[in-house]
Amino acid sequence: MSRYVINMVRSDGTSGDNKPKADAEQILEKRLGFQAVHIRQYQHSRIDQNLFIKSRINKNLNPLHLNADDVVLVHYPIYTGAKFETALLNYMKNRGTKTIVLIHDLDSLRFNWSIFGDLKHEVEYLNGYDYVIAHNPKMVELLRENGLTTNVVNLNIFDYLAKASSTSNSSDDKNLVTFAGNLNKAKFLKDLQVRKPVTFDLYGNIDNPKLINPSLDYHGSVSPEVLATKMGHGFGLVWDGNSVDSVTGRVGNYLKYNDPYKISSYLSSGMPVIVWKQSAISDFVISNQIGIAVDQIEDLQQSLNHISNADFAKMANNVQAIGAKLRNGDYLYNAVNKCLN
């Protein structure tokens, strides 16, 4: 029996994967004996792509001689178009190969479009796989409600491969909050007012730093390597959208079902997290006692004031255990193992 994970690369041969997909490939290769199959993305016209879909798949997969004893894991979506993804799935089904799809995003929830249209059509595609790995129980329930009938496994949270942080997150840091990412998307930062003893550190790109509330400390955009040295103190914030009151609109709806990768970054660095109470990931955070959930960012100050040194120490200790699992790839390993057995 052979095991494969399919990743897309750019036409120049460089990896087109983001870190979640690259980490998944590394975990599957090292811990479960999967072999990576890299298929180059096409940069010609849409007509050319459609004409050459079959030849691209045959060129990369025919040498594998796939059969019913083999297993192939595919990321969803791989952004090569609905025709390519469907043709790829049909190729494997025609050979009786066991198929697993790992959901990274459901674009019909995240945007107002997806390569398959609406959620029900995404689910129709996912039903073609033998196993679907979904982010969390809320996503599993949503998929079932929209017609998912195939086997589904709960991932719980995305792993995050990184070196263990040498930073000790002590109770002295419990009033420090860090937010890292694309700050242009975080419109709420202009209205977020914090007061001592709370301090709020920001890292990331923003076109106009003057839009950041003066009570926040902006440290600019830094490389992932530098950011890793800054992380590890206090809490990490997972929030999105325009408002400090709540997370509304399509962004808010998506957070009710997905696992933000940012939370894995914070936890792997040893930081408890602050999340939106209505987000799907809040159940994982509260049940594992690795952070707090708030209805509004405006509640942040009051919530931090109620956290004792002992409370923070317990959270930080629990995060160390979860972070070790994330850095080891345990969550994907366990999910895929359920599909294999």
Protein backbone atom coordinates (compact mmCIF):
# COMPACT_ATOMS: atom_id res chain seq x y z
CA MET A 1 0.00 0.00 0.00
CA SER A 2 1.26 3.46 -0.95
CA ARG A 3 0.19 6.82 0.45
CA TYR A 4 0.34 10.15 -1.37
CA VAL A 5 -0.44 13.81 -0.65
CA ILE A 6 -1.06 16.08 -3.64
CA ASN A 7 0.29 19.62 -3.54
CA MET A 8 0.24 22.26 -6.27
CA VAL A 9 3.37 24.18 -7.27
CA ARG A 10 3.79 27.20 -9.52
CA SER A 11 4.82 26.78 -13.13
CA ASP A 12 8.43 27.68 -12.23
CA GLY A 13 8.54 24.72 -9.85
CA THR A 14 8.48 26.71 -6.62
CA SER A 15 5.96 25.83 -3.97
CA GLY A 16 2.65 27.60 -4.17
CA ASP A 17 1.52 26.26 -0.81
CA ASN A 18 0.99 28.38 2.25
CA LYS A 19 2.25 27.22 5.62
CA PRO A 20 -0.81 25.12 6.60
CA LYS A 21 -0.46 22.98 3.48
CA ALA A 22 3.33 22.82 3.70
CA ASP A 23 3.11 21.76 7.36
CA ALA A 24 0.51 19.14 6.51
CA GLU A 25 2.75 17.67 3.84
CA GLN A 26 5.68 17.49 6.26
CA ILE A 27 3.59 15.82 8.97
CA LEU A 28 2.16 13.27 6.56
CA GLU A 29 5.58 12.44 5.11
CA LYS A 30 7.45 12.12 8.40
CA ARG A 31 4.83 10.48 10.59
CA LEU A 32 2.59 8.50 8.25
CA GLY A 33 4.78 7.62 5.28
CA PHE A 34 2.98 9.71 2.66
CA GLN A 35 4.85 10.74 -0.48
CA ALA A 36 4.35 14.22 -1.92
CA VAL A 37 3.11 14.56 -5.49
CA HIS A 38 3.65 18.06 -6.87
CA ILE A 39 1.51 19.12 -9.82
CA ARG A 40 2.40 22.36 -11.57
CA GLN A 41 -0.23 25.03 -11.97
CA TYR A 42 -0.93 26.14 -15.52
CA GLN A 43 -0.48 29.79 -16.46
CA HIS A 44 -2.03 29.73 -19.92
CA SER A 45 -5.56 30.77 -20.87
CA ARG A 46 -8.61 29.13 -19.35
CA ILE A 47 -9.19 27.25 -22.61
CA ASP A 48 -5.69 25.81 -22.47
CA GLN A 49 -6.21 24.76 -18.88
CA ASN A 50 -9.39 22.89 -19.76
CA LEU A 51 -7.77 21.19 -22.76
CA PHE A 52 -4.75 20.00 -20.83
CA ILE A 53 -6.38 18.97 -17.55
CA LYS A 54 -6.44 15.26 -18.39
CA SER A 55 -2.87 15.22 -19.71
CA ARG A 56 -1.59 17.04 -16.61
CA ILE A 57 -3.26 14.52 -14.31
CA ASN A 58 -2.11 11.53 -16.36
CA LYS A 59 1.47 12.81 -16.52
CA ASN A 60 1.72 13.12 -12.73
CA LEU A 61 -0.41 10.22 -11.52
CA ASN A 62 -0.03 7.47 -14.13
CA PRO A 63 3.50 6.62 -12.89
CA LEU A 64 2.03 5.92 -9.43
CA HIS A 65 -0.14 3.04 -10.74
CA LEU A 66 -2.85 3.84 -8.19
CA ASN A 67 -5.12 1.01 -7.09
CA ALA A 68 -7.52 0.07 -4.30
CA ASP A 69 -4.68 -0.51 -1.83
CA ASP A 70 -3.44 3.08 -2.10
CA VAL A 71 -4.43 6.27 -0.27
CA VAL A 72 -4.36 9.82 -1.60
CA LEU A 73 -4.95 12.97 0.45
CA VAL A 74 -5.95 16.17 -1.36
CA HIS A 75 -6.13 19.69 0.05
CA TYR A 76 -9.36 21.61 -0.52
CA PRO A 77 -9.37 23.93 -2.27
CA ILE A 78 -6.21 23.72 -4.37
CA TYR A 79 -7.35 26.63 -6.56
CA THR A 80 -6.98 25.05 -9.96
CA GLY A 81 -10.66 25.30 -10.85
CA ALA A 82 -13.67 23.06 -10.40
CA LYS A 83 -12.99 21.09 -13.60
CA PHE A 84 -9.46 20.17 -12.53
CA GLU A 85 -10.44 19.22 -8.97
CA THR A 86 -13.35 17.12 -10.24
CA ALA A 87 -11.21 15.41 -12.88
CA LEU A 88 -8.55 14.66 -10.28
CA LEU A 89 -11.09 13.10 -7.94
CA ASN A 90 -12.66 11.04 -10.72
CA TYR A 91 -9.23 9.75 -11.78
CA MET A 92 -8.68 8.35 -8.29
CA LYS A 93 -12.22 6.98 -7.91
CA ASN A 94 -11.93 5.13 -11.21
CA ARG A 95 -8.96 3.24 -9.76
CA GLY A 96 -10.68 2.43 -6.46
CA THR A 97 -8.11 4.45 -4.51
CA LYS A 98 -9.02 5.49 -0.96
CA THR A 99 -9.40 9.28 -0.98
CA ILE A 100 -9.13 11.81 1.85
CA VAL A 101 -9.81 15.53 1.52
CA LEU A 102 -8.50 18.00 4.09
CA ILE A 103 -10.59 21.17 4.18
CA HIS A 104 -8.55 24.34 4.53
CA ASP A 105 -11.32 26.75 3.59
CA LEU A 106 -14.96 26.74 2.54
CA ASP A 107 -14.96 29.68 0.14
CA SER A 108 -18.73 29.80 -0.23
CA LEU A 109 -18.83 30.81 3.45
CA ARG A 110 -15.71 32.98 3.41
CA PHE A 111 -16.58 34.90 0.23
CA ASN A 112 -19.72 35.24 -1.87
CA TRP A 113 -18.36 32.67 -4.34
CA SER A 114 -16.41 29.43 -4.59
CA ILE A 115 -15.14 27.35 -7.49
CA PHE A 116 -18.20 25.13 -7.03
CA GLY A 117 -20.70 27.91 -6.39
CA ASP A 118 -22.62 27.68 -3.13
CA LEU A 119 -22.09 25.47 -0.09
CA LYS A 120 -24.43 22.71 -1.26
CA HIS A 121 -22.39 22.33 -4.46
CA GLU A 122 -19.17 22.30 -2.44
CA VAL A 123 -20.66 19.52 -0.33
CA GLU A 124 -21.65 17.58 -3.46
CA TYR A 125 -17.99 17.64 -4.49
CA LEU A 126 -16.76 16.65 -1.02
CA ASN A 127 -19.17 13.69 -0.99
CA GLY A 128 -17.04 12.16 -3.73
CA TYR A 129 -14.25 11.49 -1.21
CA ASP A 130 -14.15 8.52 1.13
CA TYR A 131 -13.19 10.75 4.08
CA VAL A 132 -13.53 14.46 4.77
CA ILE A 133 -11.41 16.11 7.49
CA ALA A 134 -13.28 19.17 8.78
CA HIS A 135 -12.03 21.84 11.18
CA ASN A 136 -14.30 21.32 14.19
CA PRO A 137 -17.70 19.94 15.33
CA LYS A 138 -19.52 23.11 14.20
CA MET A 139 -18.20 22.69 10.65
CA VAL A 140 -19.05 18.99 10.71
CA GLU A 141 -22.63 19.82 11.73
CA LEU A 142 -22.94 22.47 9.01
CA LEU A 143 -21.68 20.08 6.33
CA ARG A 144 -24.10 17.37 7.47
CA GLU A 145 -26.99 19.86 7.40
CA ASN A 146 -26.08 20.70 3.80
CA GLY A 147 -26.01 17.13 2.56
CA LEU A 148 -22.63 15.62 3.49
CA THR A 149 -23.10 11.86 3.61
CA THR A 150 -19.55 10.53 3.39
CA ASN A 151 -17.30 9.79 6.38
CA VAL A 152 -16.17 12.90 8.24
CA VAL A 153 -13.42 13.36 10.84
CA ASN A 154 -12.97 16.30 13.20
CA LEU A 155 -9.48 17.87 13.07
CA ASN A 156 -10.03 20.06 16.19
CA ILE A 157 -7.31 22.57 15.29
CA PHE A 158 -4.57 23.06 12.67
CA ASP A 159 -1.06 22.05 13.65
CA TYR A 160 1.74 24.61 13.49
CA LEU A 161 5.26 23.29 12.99
CA ALA A 162 7.81 25.52 14.71
CA LYS A 163 10.63 25.43 17.19
CA ALA A 164 9.58 25.45 20.82
CA SER A 165 9.61 28.96 22.25
CA SER A 166 12.35 29.64 24.78
CA THR A 167 10.17 32.39 26.26
CA SER A 168 8.57 31.89 29.66
CA ASN A 169 5.05 33.33 29.69
CA SER A 170 4.63 34.46 33.30
CA SER A 171 1.86 36.21 35.18
CA ASP A 172 3.83 39.44 34.74
CA ASP A 173 2.66 39.32 31.10
CA LYS A 174 -1.06 38.73 31.71
CA ASN A 175 -2.01 42.28 30.70
CA LEU A 176 -0.10 42.17 27.42
CA VAL A 177 -2.07 41.42 24.24
CA THR A 178 -0.51 40.77 20.82
CA PHE A 179 -2.24 40.98 17.45
CA ALA A 180 -0.28 39.99 14.34
CA GLY A 181 -1.31 39.79 10.71
CA ASN A 182 -2.59 41.92 7.86
CA LEU A 183 -3.64 45.04 9.76
CA ASN A 184 -5.34 46.54 6.71
CA LYS A 185 -8.13 44.00 7.26
CA ALA A 186 -8.40 44.84 10.97
CA LYS A 187 -10.50 47.98 10.71
CA PHE A 188 -11.48 47.64 14.38
CA LEU A 189 -8.01 48.86 15.39
CA LYS A 190 -8.97 52.50 14.83
CA ASP A 191 -11.68 52.27 17.52
CA LEU A 192 -9.92 49.97 19.99
CA GLN A 193 -9.01 51.96 23.11
CA VAL A 194 -6.96 50.27 25.84
CA ARG A 195 -5.88 51.64 29.20
CA LYS A 196 -3.09 50.71 31.56
CA PRO A 197 -2.19 48.22 32.87
CA VAL A 198 -3.22 46.62 29.55
CA THR A 199 -0.77 47.05 26.67
CA PHE A 200 -1.48 46.07 23.10
CA ASP A 201 1.31 45.17 20.61
CA LEU A 202 0.63 45.15 16.85
CA TYR A 203 2.74 43.55 14.12
CA GLY A 204 1.95 43.52 10.41
CA ASN A 205 1.36 45.46 7.23
CA ILE A 206 -0.85 48.53 7.21
CA ASP A 207 -1.04 51.18 4.50
CA ASN A 208 -1.76 54.03 6.90
CA PRO A 209 -0.47 53.55 10.48
CA LYS A 210 -2.28 56.74 11.50
CA LEU A 211 -5.51 54.75 11.40
CA ILE A 212 -4.36 52.77 14.44
CA ASN A 213 -5.69 54.01 17.74
CA PRO A 214 -2.91 55.87 19.62
CA SER A 215 -3.41 53.69 22.70
CA LEU A 216 -2.00 50.70 20.76
CA ASP A 217 1.71 50.03 20.20
CA TYR A 218 2.50 49.45 16.54
CA HIS A 219 5.86 47.76 15.87
CA GLY A 220 5.72 47.60 12.08
CA SER A 221 5.89 44.67 9.72
CA VAL A 222 8.53 42.09 10.61
CA SER A 223 9.65 38.80 9.10
CA PRO A 224 8.18 35.55 10.44
CA GLU A 225 11.57 34.77 11.99
CA VAL A 226 11.67 38.07 13.86
CA LEU A 227 8.01 37.80 14.85
CA ALA A 228 8.69 34.39 16.38
CA THR A 229 11.19 36.02 18.75
CA LYS A 230 8.62 38.63 19.77
CA MET A 231 5.83 36.15 20.45
CA GLY A 232 5.37 34.20 23.65
CA HIS A 233 4.36 36.88 26.14
CA GLY A 234 0.80 37.49 27.32
CA PHE A 235 -2.25 36.74 25.17
CA GLY A 236 -2.71 36.45 21.42
CA LEU A 237 -5.86 38.02 19.98
CA VAL A 238 -7.94 36.37 17.25
CA TRP A 239 -10.41 38.93 15.89
CA ASP A 240 -11.52 40.16 12.50
CA GLY A 241 -13.72 42.76 10.85
CA ASN A 242 -14.56 46.41 11.27
CA SER A 243 -16.12 46.63 14.71
CA VAL A 244 -15.00 46.39 18.34
CA ASP A 245 -18.59 45.48 19.25
CA SER A 246 -18.76 42.15 17.44
CA VAL A 247 -17.63 40.28 14.35
CA THR A 248 -20.38 40.80 11.81
CA GLY A 249 -21.23 40.00 8.22
CA ARG A 250 -19.57 37.28 6.16
CA VAL A 251 -16.42 37.40 8.32
CA GLY A 252 -18.42 36.79 11.46
CA ASN A 253 -20.40 33.99 9.87
CA TYR A 254 -17.19 32.29 8.73
CA LEU A 255 -15.66 32.44 12.23
CA LYS A 256 -18.66 30.46 13.47
CA TYR A 257 -17.40 27.46 11.48
CA ASN A 258 -13.68 27.67 10.71
CA ASP A 259 -10.45 27.33 12.70
CA PRO A 260 -8.33 30.48 12.15
CA TYR A 261 -4.72 29.47 11.54
CA LYS A 262 -3.59 32.48 13.58
CA ILE A 263 -4.71 30.77 16.78
CA SER A 264 -2.31 27.89 16.09
CA SER A 265 0.53 30.37 15.67
CA TYR A 266 -0.14 31.94 19.05
CA LEU A 267 -0.57 28.63 20.87
CA SER A 268 2.58 27.13 19.38
CA SER A 269 4.43 30.18 20.78
CA GLY A 270 3.12 29.50 24.28
CA MET A 271 0.46 32.22 24.35
CA PRO A 272 -3.09 31.80 25.68
CA VAL A 273 -5.62 33.33 23.31
CA ILE A 274 -8.55 35.72 23.29
CA VAL A 275 -11.30 34.75 20.85
CA TRP A 276 -14.83 35.79 19.91
CA LYS A 277 -17.36 33.94 22.08
CA GLN A 278 -19.49 32.96 19.06
CA SER A 279 -16.57 31.57 17.06
CA ALA A 280 -16.33 27.82 16.54
CA ILE A 281 -12.82 27.72 17.99
CA SER A 282 -14.06 29.16 21.30
CA ASP A 283 -15.32 25.71 22.35
CA PHE A 284 -11.80 24.29 21.95
CA VAL A 285 -10.27 27.25 23.82
CA ILE A 286 -12.64 27.08 26.78
CA SER A 287 -12.72 23.27 27.12
CA ASN A 288 -8.91 23.14 27.15
CA GLN A 289 -8.61 26.23 29.39
CA ILE A 290 -6.13 27.91 27.08
CA GLY A 291 -7.64 31.39 26.91
CA ILE A 292 -10.79 33.43 27.19
CA ALA A 293 -13.78 34.18 24.95
CA VAL A 294 -15.39 37.63 24.76
CA ASP A 295 -18.49 38.98 23.06
CA GLN A 296 -16.88 42.32 22.29
CA ILE A 297 -13.33 43.65 22.19
CA GLU A 298 -14.62 46.40 24.45
CA ASP A 299 -15.01 43.66 27.10
CA LEU A 300 -11.29 42.96 26.86
CA GLN A 301 -10.18 45.36 29.58
CA GLN A 302 -12.73 44.11 32.08
CA SER A 303 -12.05 40.45 31.23
CA LEU A 304 -8.30 40.84 31.79
CA ASN A 305 -8.91 42.61 35.08
CA HIS A 306 -10.75 39.53 36.35
CA ILE A 307 -7.91 37.12 35.51
CA SER A 308 -5.79 36.35 38.55
CA ASN A 309 -2.10 35.45 38.43
CA ALA A 310 -3.07 31.86 39.23
CA ASP A 311 -5.65 31.80 36.40
CA PHE A 312 -3.08 33.02 33.89
CA ALA A 313 -0.44 30.57 35.12
CA LYS A 314 -2.90 27.69 34.65
CA MET A 315 -3.76 28.84 31.11
CA ALA A 316 -0.10 29.27 30.20
CA ASN A 317 0.67 25.78 31.54
CA ASN A 318 -2.19 24.26 29.54
CA VAL A 319 -0.97 26.06 26.41
CA GLN A 320 2.44 24.43 26.79
CA ALA A 321 0.82 21.00 26.46
CA ILE A 322 -1.36 22.00 23.49
CA GLY A 323 1.53 23.86 21.83
CA ALA A 324 3.72 20.77 22.01
CA LYS A 325 1.02 18.79 20.17
CA LEU A 326 0.73 21.48 17.49
CA ARG A 327 4.48 21.61 16.95
CA ASN A 328 4.56 17.82 16.68
CA GLY A 329 1.66 17.59 14.20
CA ASP A 330 -0.48 15.47 16.52
CA TYR A 331 -3.89 16.75 15.44
CA LEU A 332 -3.50 15.99 11.73
CA TYR A 333 -1.74 12.73 12.55
CA ASN A 334 -4.69 11.58 14.70
CA ALA A 335 -7.30 12.72 12.15
CA VAL A 336 -5.64 10.97 9.22
CA ASN A 337 -5.08 7.83 11.27
CA LYS A 338 -8.85 7.62 11.79
CA CYS A 339 -9.26 7.68 8.01
CA LEU A 340 -6.66 4.95 7.50
CA ASN A 341 -8.00 2.50 10.08
